[in-house]
PDB file of N, CA and C in Angstrom:
ATOM      1  N   MET A   1       0.850  -1.157  -0.018  1.00  0.00           N
ATOM      2  CA  MET A   1       0.036   0.066  -0.040  1.00  0.00           C
ATOM      3  C   MET A   1       0.887   1.218  -0.044  1.00  0.00           C
ATOM      4  N   PRO A   2       0.782   2.017  -0.993  1.00  0.00           N
ATOM      5  CA  PRO A   2       1.688   3.215  -1.073  1.00  0.00           C
ATOM      6  C   PRO A   2       1.211   4.265  -0.011  1.00  0.00           C
ATOM      7  N   ILE A   3       2.311   4.981   0.356  1.00  0.00           N
ATOM      8  CA  ILE A   3       2.069   6.072   1.409  1.00  0.00           C
ATOM      9  C   ILE A   3       1.638   7.368   0.699  1.00  0.00           C
ATOM     10  N   ARG A   4       0.584   7.938   1.198  1.00  0.00           N
ATOM     11  CA  ARG A   4       0.112   9.230   0.582  1.00  0.00           C
ATOM     12  C   ARG A   4       0.872  10.358   1.274  1.00  0.00           C
ATOM     13  N   LEU A   5       1.608  11.216   0.487  1.00  0.00           N
ATOM     14  CA  LEU A   5       2.248  12.308   1.097  1.00  0.00           C
ATOM     15  C   LEU A   5       1.323  13.425   1.411  1.00  0.00           C
ATOM     16  N   GLU A   6       0.077  13.422   0.910  1.00  0.00           N
ATOM     17  CA  GLU A   6      -0.838  14.456   1.229  1.00  0.00           C
ATOM     18  C   GLU A   6      -1.193  14.399   2.655  1.00  0.00           C
ATOM     19  N   LEU A   7      -1.233  13.230   3.235  1.00  0.00           N
ATOM     20  CA  LEU A   7      -1.591  13.093   4.675  1.00  0.00           C
ATOM     21  C   LEU A   7      -0.541  13.846   5.479  1.00  0.00           C
ATOM     22  N   PHE A   8       0.655  13.855   5.179  1.00  0.00           N
ATOM     23  CA  PHE A   8       1.677  14.460   5.970  1.00  0.00           C
ATOM     24  C   PHE A   8       1.713  16.022   5.663  1.00  0.00           C
ATOM     25  N   ASN A   9       1.426  16.403   4.455  1.00  0.00           N
ATOM     26  CA  ASN A   9       1.394  17.846   4.086  1.00  0.00           C
ATOM     27  C   ASN A   9       0.201  18.524   4.667  1.00  0.00           C
ATOM     28  N   SER A  10      -0.808  17.833   4.968  1.00  0.00           N
ATOM     29  CA  SER A  10      -2.044  18.525   5.481  1.00  0.00           C
ATOM     30  C   SER A  10      -1.984  18.871   6.899  1.00  0.00           C
ATOM     31  N   SER A  11      -0.999  18.325   7.667  1.00  0.00           N
ATOM     32  CA  SER A  11      -0.859  18.632   9.086  1.00  0.00           C
ATOM     33  C   SER A  11       0.314  19.544   9.364  1.00  0.00           C
ATOM     34  N   GLU A  12       0.119  20.858   9.253  1.00  0.00           N
ATOM     35  CA  GLU A  12       1.252  21.806   9.464  1.00  0.00           C
ATOM     36  C   GLU A  12       1.596  21.784  10.935  1.00  0.00           C
ATOM     37  N   ALA A  13       0.708  21.634  11.775  1.00  0.00           N
ATOM     38  CA  ALA A  13       1.039  21.679  13.212  1.00  0.00           C
ATOM     39  C   ALA A  13       1.918  20.467  13.636  1.00  0.00           C
ATOM     40  N   PHE A  14       1.619  19.361  13.062  1.00  0.00           N
ATOM     41  CA  PHE A  14       2.523  18.171  13.245  1.00  0.00           C
ATOM     42  C   PHE A  14       3.877  18.407  12.850  1.00  0.00           C
ATOM     43  N   HIS A  15       4.082  19.009  11.656  1.00  0.00           N
ATOM     44  CA  HIS A  15       5.383  19.403  11.084  1.00  0.00           C
ATOM     45  C   HIS A  15       6.118  20.308  12.046  1.00  0.00           C
ATOM     46  N   PHE A  16       5.397  21.341  12.472  1.00  0.00           N
ATOM     47  CA  PHE A  16       5.994  22.388  13.263  1.00  0.00           C
ATOM     48  C   PHE A  16       6.490  21.719  14.531  1.00  0.00           C
ATOM     49  N   LEU A  17       5.688  20.915  15.212  1.00  0.00           N
ATOM     50  CA  LEU A  17       6.143  20.343  16.459  1.00  0.00           C
ATOM     51  C   LEU A  17       7.230  19.381  16.321  1.00  0.00           C
ATOM     52  N   LEU A  18       7.234  18.629  15.250  1.00  0.00           N
ATOM     53  CA  LEU A  18       8.321  17.645  14.882  1.00  0.00           C
ATOM     54  C   LEU A  18       9.670  18.419  14.678  1.00  0.00           C
ATOM     55  N   LEU A  19       9.545  19.371  13.739  1.00  0.00           N
ATOM     56  CA  LEU A  19      10.799  20.117  13.446  1.00  0.00           C
ATOM     57  C   LEU A  19      11.236  20.998  14.619  1.00  0.00           C
ATOM     58  N   LYS A  20      10.389  21.417  15.387  1.00  0.00           N
ATOM     59  CA  LYS A  20      10.770  22.224  16.600  1.00  0.00           C
ATOM     60  C   LYS A  20      11.533  21.344  17.610  1.00  0.00           C
ATOM     61  N   ASN A  21      11.035  20.140  17.795  1.00  0.00           N
ATOM     62  CA  ASN A  21      11.673  19.184  18.709  1.00  0.00           C
ATOM     63  C   ASN A  21      13.137  18.875  18.180  1.00  0.00           C
ATOM     64  N   ILE A  22      13.193  18.611  16.853  1.00  0.00           N
ATOM     65  CA  ILE A  22      14.465  18.273  16.273  1.00  0.00           C
ATOM     66  C   ILE A  22      15.425  19.378  16.412  1.00  0.00           C
ATOM     67  N   ALA A  23      14.929  20.628  16.084  1.00  0.00           N
ATOM     68  CA  ALA A  23      15.788  21.837  16.200  1.00  0.00           C
ATOM     69  C   ALA A  23      16.220  22.030  17.724  1.00  0.00           C
ATOM     70  N   ASP A  24      15.367  21.878  18.553  1.00  0.00           N
ATOM     71  CA  ASP A  24      15.693  22.074  20.008  1.00  0.00           C
ATOM     72  C   ASP A  24      16.724  20.991  20.426  1.00  0.00           C
ATOM     73  N   SER A  25      16.635  19.831  19.900  1.00  0.00           N
ATOM     74  CA  SER A  25      17.557  18.779  20.251  1.00  0.00           C
ATOM     75  C   SER A  25      18.964  19.138  19.753  1.00  0.00           C
ATOM     76  N   PHE A  26      19.026  19.700  18.514  1.00  0.00           N
ATOM     77  CA  PHE A  26      20.364  20.103  17.996  1.00  0.00           C
ATOM     78  C   PHE A  26      20.899  21.241  18.713  1.00  0.00           C
ATOM     79  N   VAL A  27      20.051  22.158  19.194  1.00  0.00           N
ATOM     80  CA  VAL A  27      20.602  23.330  19.938  1.00  0.00           C
ATOM     81  C   VAL A  27      21.229  22.783  21.224  1.00  0.00           C
ATOM     82  N   GLY A  28      20.492  21.933  21.949  1.00  0.00           N
ATOM     83  CA  GLY A  28      21.002  21.333  23.130  1.00  0.00           C
ATOM     84  C   GLY A  28      22.291  20.508  22.938  1.00  0.00           C
ATOM     85  N   LEU A  29      22.318  19.753  21.909  1.00  0.00           N
ATOM     86  CA  LEU A  29      23.569  19.032  21.451  1.00  0.00           C
ATOM     87  C   LEU A  29      24.703  19.932  21.184  1.00  0.00           C
ATOM     88  N   GLY A  30      24.486  21.022  20.528  1.00  0.00           N
ATOM     89  CA  GLY A  30      25.482  21.939  20.221  1.00  0.00           C
ATOM     90  C   GLY A  30      26.135  22.563  21.525  1.00  0.00           C
ATOM     91  N   LEU A  31      25.239  22.964  22.474  1.00  0.00           N
ATOM     92  CA  LEU A  31      25.730  23.486  23.727  1.00  0.00           C
ATOM     93  C   LEU A  31      26.587  22.466  24.436  1.00  0.00           C
ATOM     94  N   TRP A  32      26.139  21.226  24.530  1.00  0.00           N
ATOM     95  CA  TRP A  32      26.816  20.172  25.220  1.00  0.00           C
ATOM     96  C   TRP A  32      28.182  19.943  24.542  1.00  0.00           C
ATOM     97  N   LEU A  33      28.159  19.830  23.167  1.00  0.00           N
ATOM     98  CA  LEU A  33      29.430  19.635  22.475  1.00  0.00           C
ATOM     99  C   LEU A  33      30.395  20.793  22.622  1.00  0.00           C
ATOM    100  N   GLY A  34      29.870  22.013  22.674  1.00  0.00           N
ATOM    101  CA  GLY A  34      30.699  23.221  22.959  1.00  0.00           C
ATOM    102  C   GLY A  34      31.365  23.070  24.318  1.00  0.00           C
ATOM    103  N   GLU A  35      30.750  22.679  25.337  1.00  0.00           N
ATOM    104  CA  GLU A  35      31.284  22.441  26.613  1.00  0.00           C
ATOM    105  C   GLU A  35      32.343  21.354  26.667  1.00  0.00           C
ATOM    106  N   ARG A  36      32.013  20.276  26.007  1.00  0.00           N
ATOM    107  CA  ARG A  36      32.900  19.143  25.874  1.00  0.00           C
ATOM    108  C   ARG A  36      34.257  19.516  25.238  1.00  0.00           C
ATOM    109  N   LEU A  37      34.142  20.364  24.117  1.00  0.00           N
ATOM    110  CA  LEU A  37      35.272  20.848  23.376  1.00  0.00           C
ATOM    111  C   LEU A  37      36.143  21.661  24.276  1.00  0.00           C
ATOM    112  N   LYS A  38      35.548  22.548  25.049  1.00  0.00           N
ATOM    113  CA  LYS A  38      36.338  23.397  25.988  1.00  0.00           C
ATOM    114  C   LYS A  38      37.158  22.542  27.003  1.00  0.00           C
ATOM    115  N   GLN A  39      36.537  21.489  27.545  1.00  0.00           N
ATOM    116  CA  GLN A  39      37.089  20.552  28.466  1.00  0.00           C
ATOM    117  C   GLN A  39      38.257  19.831  27.829  1.00  0.00           C
ATOM    118  N   ALA A  40      38.030  19.314  26.595  1.00  0.00           N
ATOM    119  CA  ALA A  40      39.050  18.587  25.890  1.00  0.00           C
ATOM    120  C   ALA A  40      40.280  19.489  25.563  1.00  0.00           C
ATOM    121  N   GLN A  41      39.977  20.796  25.121  1.00  0.00           N
ATOM    122  CA  GLN A  41      41.092  21.664  24.875  1.00  0.00           C
ATOM    123  C   GLN A  41      41.857  21.992  26.089  1.00  0.00           C
ATOM    124  N   ALA A  42      41.181  22.148  27.258  1.00  0.00           N
ATOM    125  CA  ALA A  42      41.808  22.376  28.469  1.00  0.00           C
ATOM    126  C   ALA A  42      42.739  21.193  28.956  1.00  0.00           C
ATOM    127  N   ALA A  43      42.254  20.080  28.799  1.00  0.00           N
ATOM    128  CA  ALA A  43      42.991  18.812  29.122  1.00  0.00           C
ATOM    129  C   ALA A  43      44.201  18.669  28.154  1.00  0.00           C
ATOM    130  N   HIS A  44      44.030  19.081  26.885  1.00  0.00           N
ATOM    131  CA  HIS A  44      45.205  18.977  25.938  1.00  0.00           C
ATOM    132  C   HIS A  44      46.201  19.968  26.365  1.00  0.00           C
ATOM    133  N   ARG A  45      45.843  21.177  26.696  1.00  0.00           N
ATOM    134  CA  ARG A  45      46.860  22.269  27.161  1.00  0.00           C
ATOM    135  C   ARG A  45      47.550  21.819  28.329  1.00  0.00           C
ATOM    136  N   ALA A  46      46.867  21.216  29.310  1.00  0.00           N
ATOM    137  CA  ALA A  46      47.491  20.689  30.601  1.00  0.00           C
ATOM    138  C   ALA A  46      48.395  19.644  30.381  1.00  0.00           C
ATOM    139  N   THR A  47      48.232  18.729  29.361  1.00  0.00           N
ATOM    140  CA  THR A  47      49.104  17.575  29.283  1.00  0.00           C
ATOM    141  C   THR A  47      49.888  17.577  28.033  1.00  0.00           C
ATOM    142  N   ALA A  48      49.949  18.641  27.268  1.00  0.00           N
ATOM    143  CA  ALA A  48      50.680  18.652  25.984  1.00  0.00           C
ATOM    144  C   ALA A  48      52.203  18.517  26.120  1.00  0.00           C
ATOM    145  N   LEU A  49      52.756  19.018  27.222  1.00  0.00           N
ATOM    146  CA  LEU A  49      54.244  18.917  27.428  1.00  0.00           C
ATOM    147  C   LEU A  49      54.697  17.782  28.156  1.00  0.00           C
ATOM    148  N   ILE A  50      53.798  16.844  28.577  1.00  0.00           N
ATOM    149  CA  ILE A  50      54.220  15.603  29.249  1.00  0.00           C
ATOM    150  C   ILE A  50      54.804  14.612  28.262  1.00  0.00           C
ATOM    151  N   PRO A  51      56.005  14.183  28.528  1.00  0.00           N
ATOM    152  CA  PRO A  51      56.667  13.259  27.544  1.00  0.00           C
ATOM    153  C   PRO A  51      55.888  11.940  27.481  1.00  0.00           C
ATOM    154  N   ILE A  52      55.877  11.314  26.328  1.00  0.00           N
ATOM    155  CA  ILE A  52      55.183  10.021  26.133  1.00  0.00           C
ATOM    156  C   ILE A  52      56.235   8.961  26.187  1.00  0.00           C
ATOM    157  N   VAL A  53      56.030   7.886  27.019  1.00  0.00           N
ATOM    158  CA  VAL A  53      56.982   6.848  27.180  1.00  0.00           C
ATOM    159  C   VAL A  53      56.270   5.510  26.788  1.00  0.00           C
ATOM    160  N   TRP A  54      57.090   4.767  25.901  1.00  0.00           N
ATOM    161  CA  TRP A  54      56.577   3.363  25.512  1.00  0.00           C
ATOM    162  C   TRP A  54      57.534   2.323  25.951  1.00  0.00           C
ATOM    163  N   ILE A  55      57.065   1.129  26.044  1.00  0.00           N
ATOM    164  CA  ILE A  55      57.865   0.055  26.167  1.00  0.00           C
ATOM    165  C   ILE A  55      57.865  -0.793  24.867  1.00  0.00           C
ATOM    166  N   GLN A  56      58.955  -0.863  24.192  1.00  0.00           N
ATOM    167  CA  GLN A  56      59.018  -1.547  22.966  1.00  0.00           C
ATOM    168  C   GLN A  56      60.159  -2.595  22.994  1.00  0.00           C
ATOM    169  N   GLY A  57      59.769  -3.770  22.826  1.00  0.00           N
ATOM    170  CA  GLY A  57      60.737  -4.932  22.822  1.00  0.00           C
ATOM    171  C   GLY A  57      61.549  -4.991  24.131  1.00  0.00           C
ATOM    172  N   GLY A  58      60.956  -4.749  25.249  1.00  0.00           N
ATOM    173  CA  GLY A  58      61.566  -4.772  26.509  1.00  0.00           C
ATOM    174  C   GLY A  58      62.427  -3.597  26.932  1.00  0.00           C
ATOM    175  N   ALA A  59      62.418  -2.628  26.039  1.00  0.00           N
ATOM    176  CA  ALA A  59      63.183  -1.390  26.312  1.00  0.00           C
ATOM    177  C   ALA A  59      62.286  -0.152  26.438  1.00  0.00           C
ATOM    178  N   VAL A  60      62.719   0.795  27.150  1.00  0.00           N
ATOM    179  CA  VAL A  60      62.002   2.043  27.300  1.00  0.00           C
ATOM    180  C   VAL A  60      62.317   2.958  26.087  1.00  0.00           C
ATOM    181  N   SER A  61      61.340   3.492  25.522  1.00  0.00           N
ATOM    182  CA  SER A  61      61.518   4.521  24.426  1.00  0.00           C
ATOM    183  C   SER A  61      60.610   5.658  24.738  1.00  0.00           C
ATOM    184  N   ALA A  62      61.138   6.859  24.389  1.00  0.00           N
ATOM    185  CA  ALA A  62      60.334   8.051  24.663  1.00  0.00           C
ATOM    186  C   ALA A  62      60.406   9.025  23.523  1.00  0.00           C
ATOM    187  N   TRP A  63      59.305   9.781  23.398  1.00  0.00           N
ATOM    188  CA  TRP A  63      59.253  10.903  22.445  1.00  0.00           C
ATOM    189  C   TRP A  63      59.170  12.121  23.286  1.00  0.00           C
ATOM    190  N   ILE A  64      60.030  13.078  23.117  1.00  0.00           N
ATOM    191  CA  ILE A  64      60.095  14.275  23.823  1.00  0.00           C
ATOM    192  C   ILE A  64      59.861  15.445  22.859  1.00  0.00           C
ATOM    193  N   ASP A  65      59.026  16.474  23.231  1.00  0.00           N
ATOM    194  CA  ASP A  65      58.811  17.588  22.384  1.00  0.00           C
ATOM    195  C   ASP A  65      60.015  18.354  22.234  1.00  0.00           C
ATOM    196  N   THR A  66      60.171  18.996  21.059  1.00  0.00           N
ATOM    197  CA  THR A  66      61.378  19.768  20.760  1.00  0.00           C
ATOM    198  C   THR A  66      61.641  20.837  21.754  1.00  0.00           C
ATOM    199  N   LYS A  67      60.636  21.333  22.432  1.00  0.00           N
ATOM    200  CA  LYS A  67      60.872  22.424  23.478  1.00  0.00           C
ATOM    201  C   LYS A  67      61.567  21.856  24.654  1.00  0.00           C
ATOM    202  N   GLN A  68      61.556  20.570  24.848  1.00  0.00           N
ATOM    203  CA  GLN A  68      62.149  19.863  26.041  1.00  0.00           C
ATOM    204  C   GLN A  68      63.579  19.300  25.762  1.00  0.00           C
ATOM    205  N   TRP A  69      64.057  19.478  24.557  1.00  0.00           N
ATOM    206  CA  TRP A  69      65.420  18.914  24.238  1.00  0.00           C
ATOM    207  C   TRP A  69      66.406  19.560  25.127  1.00  0.00           C
ATOM    208  N   ASN A  70      67.334  18.767  25.569  1.00  0.00           N
ATOM    209  CA  ASN A  70      68.409  19.273  26.357  1.00  0.00           C
ATOM    210  C   ASN A  70      67.991  19.822  27.737  1.00  0.00           C
ATOM    211  N   SER A  71      66.823  19.536  28.135  1.00  0.00           N
ATOM    212  CA  SER A  71      66.380  20.015  29.528  1.00  0.00           C
ATOM    213  C   SER A  71      66.879  19.167  30.670  1.00  0.00           C
ATOM    214  N   LEU A  72      67.280  17.971  30.354  1.00  0.00           N
ATOM    215  CA  LEU A  72      67.777  17.099  31.332  1.00  0.00           C
ATOM    216  C   LEU A  72      69.251  16.695  31.025  1.00  0.00           C
ATOM    217  N   GLN A  73      70.108  17.635  31.263  1.00  0.00           N
ATOM    218  CA  GLN A  73      71.535  17.475  30.922  1.00  0.00           C
ATOM    219  C   GLN A  73      72.176  16.587  32.060  1.00  0.00           C
ATOM    220  N   PRO A  74      72.959  15.696  31.681  1.00  0.00           N
ATOM    221  CA  PRO A  74      73.742  14.916  32.674  1.00  0.00           C
ATOM    222  C   PRO A  74      74.681  15.679  33.410  1.00  0.00           C
ATOM    223  N   THR A  75      74.899  15.456  34.754  1.00  0.00           N
ATOM    224  CA  THR A  75      75.726  16.205  35.596  1.00  0.00           C
ATOM    225  C   THR A  75      77.233  15.851  35.355  1.00  0.00           C
ATOM    226  N   LYS A  76      77.579  14.700  34.842  1.00  0.00           N
ATOM    227  CA  LYS A  76      78.898  14.330  34.465  1.00  0.00           C
ATOM    228  C   LYS A  76      78.984  13.728  33.151  1.00  0.00           C
ATOM    229  N   ALA A  77      80.158  13.470  32.583  1.00  0.00           N
ATOM    230  CA  ALA A  77      80.356  12.916  31.368  1.00  0.00           C
ATOM    231  C   ALA A  77      79.806  11.500  31.311  1.00  0.00           C
ATOM    232  N   ASP A  78      79.341  11.062  30.218  1.00  0.00           N
ATOM    233  CA  ASP A  78      78.809   9.673  30.019  1.00  0.00           C
ATOM    234  C   ASP A  78      79.999   8.686  30.158  1.00  0.00           C
ATOM    235  N   VAL A  79      79.770   7.689  30.850  1.00  0.00           N
ATOM    236  CA  VAL A  79      80.775   6.596  30.973  1.00  0.00           C
ATOM    237  C   VAL A  79      80.455   5.504  29.928  1.00  0.00           C
ATOM    238  N   GLY A  80      81.472   5.059  29.224  1.00  0.00           N
ATOM    239  CA  GLY A  80      81.151   4.045  28.181  1.00  0.00           C
ATOM    240  C   GLY A  80      80.813   2.702  28.852  1.00  0.00           C
ATOM    241  N   PHE A  81      80.299   1.832  27.988  1.00  0.00           N
ATOM    242  CA  PHE A  81      79.867   0.503  28.462  1.00  0.00           C
ATOM    243  C   PHE A  81      81.070  -0.315  29.073  1.00  0.00           C
ATOM    244  N   GLY A  82      82.230  -0.176  28.391  1.00  0.00           N
ATOM    245  CA  GLY A  82      83.395  -0.865  28.887  1.00  0.00           C
ATOM    246  C   GLY A  82      83.888  -0.502  30.305  1.00  0.00           C
ATOM    247  N   ALA A  83      83.561   0.699  30.710  1.00  0.00           N
ATOM    248  CA  ALA A  83      83.963   1.077  32.009  1.00  0.00           C
ATOM    249  C   ALA A  83      83.167   0.441  33.074  1.00  0.00           C
ATOM    250  N   HIS A  84      81.919   0.016  32.785  1.00  0.00           N
ATOM    251  CA  HIS A  84      81.151  -0.696  33.757  1.00  0.00           C
ATOM    252  C   HIS A  84      81.641  -2.172  33.907  1.00  0.00           C
ATOM    253  N   LEU A  85      82.220  -2.712  32.901  1.00  0.00           N
ATOM    254  CA  LEU A  85      82.754  -4.099  32.982  1.00  0.00           C
ATOM    255  C   LEU A  85      84.003  -4.253  33.840  1.00  0.00           C
ATOM    256  N   SER A  86      84.835  -3.159  33.862  1.00  0.00           N
ATOM    257  CA  SER A  86      86.115  -3.348  34.652  1.00  0.00           C
ATOM    258  C   SER A  86      85.976  -3.110  36.065  1.00  0.00           C
TER     259      SER A  86
END
């Protein structure tokens, strides 16, 4: 049985209420998403400079932002691997 579109077009009040509810839902969703975006941006700003550390193949590897390069200078010269063996 085909659907007659005239039935839907004849009820303007139905359309108005339906579209109003949909529009109100999107307005509320937009407000909620705006607040979530602000929270996500604040969390990103607070944690952006924390170095990321991974365990790969049993070894620790890290990625450090270019702003943090040379921030942890050793206090003495590096000792080679052979010095530890003797």
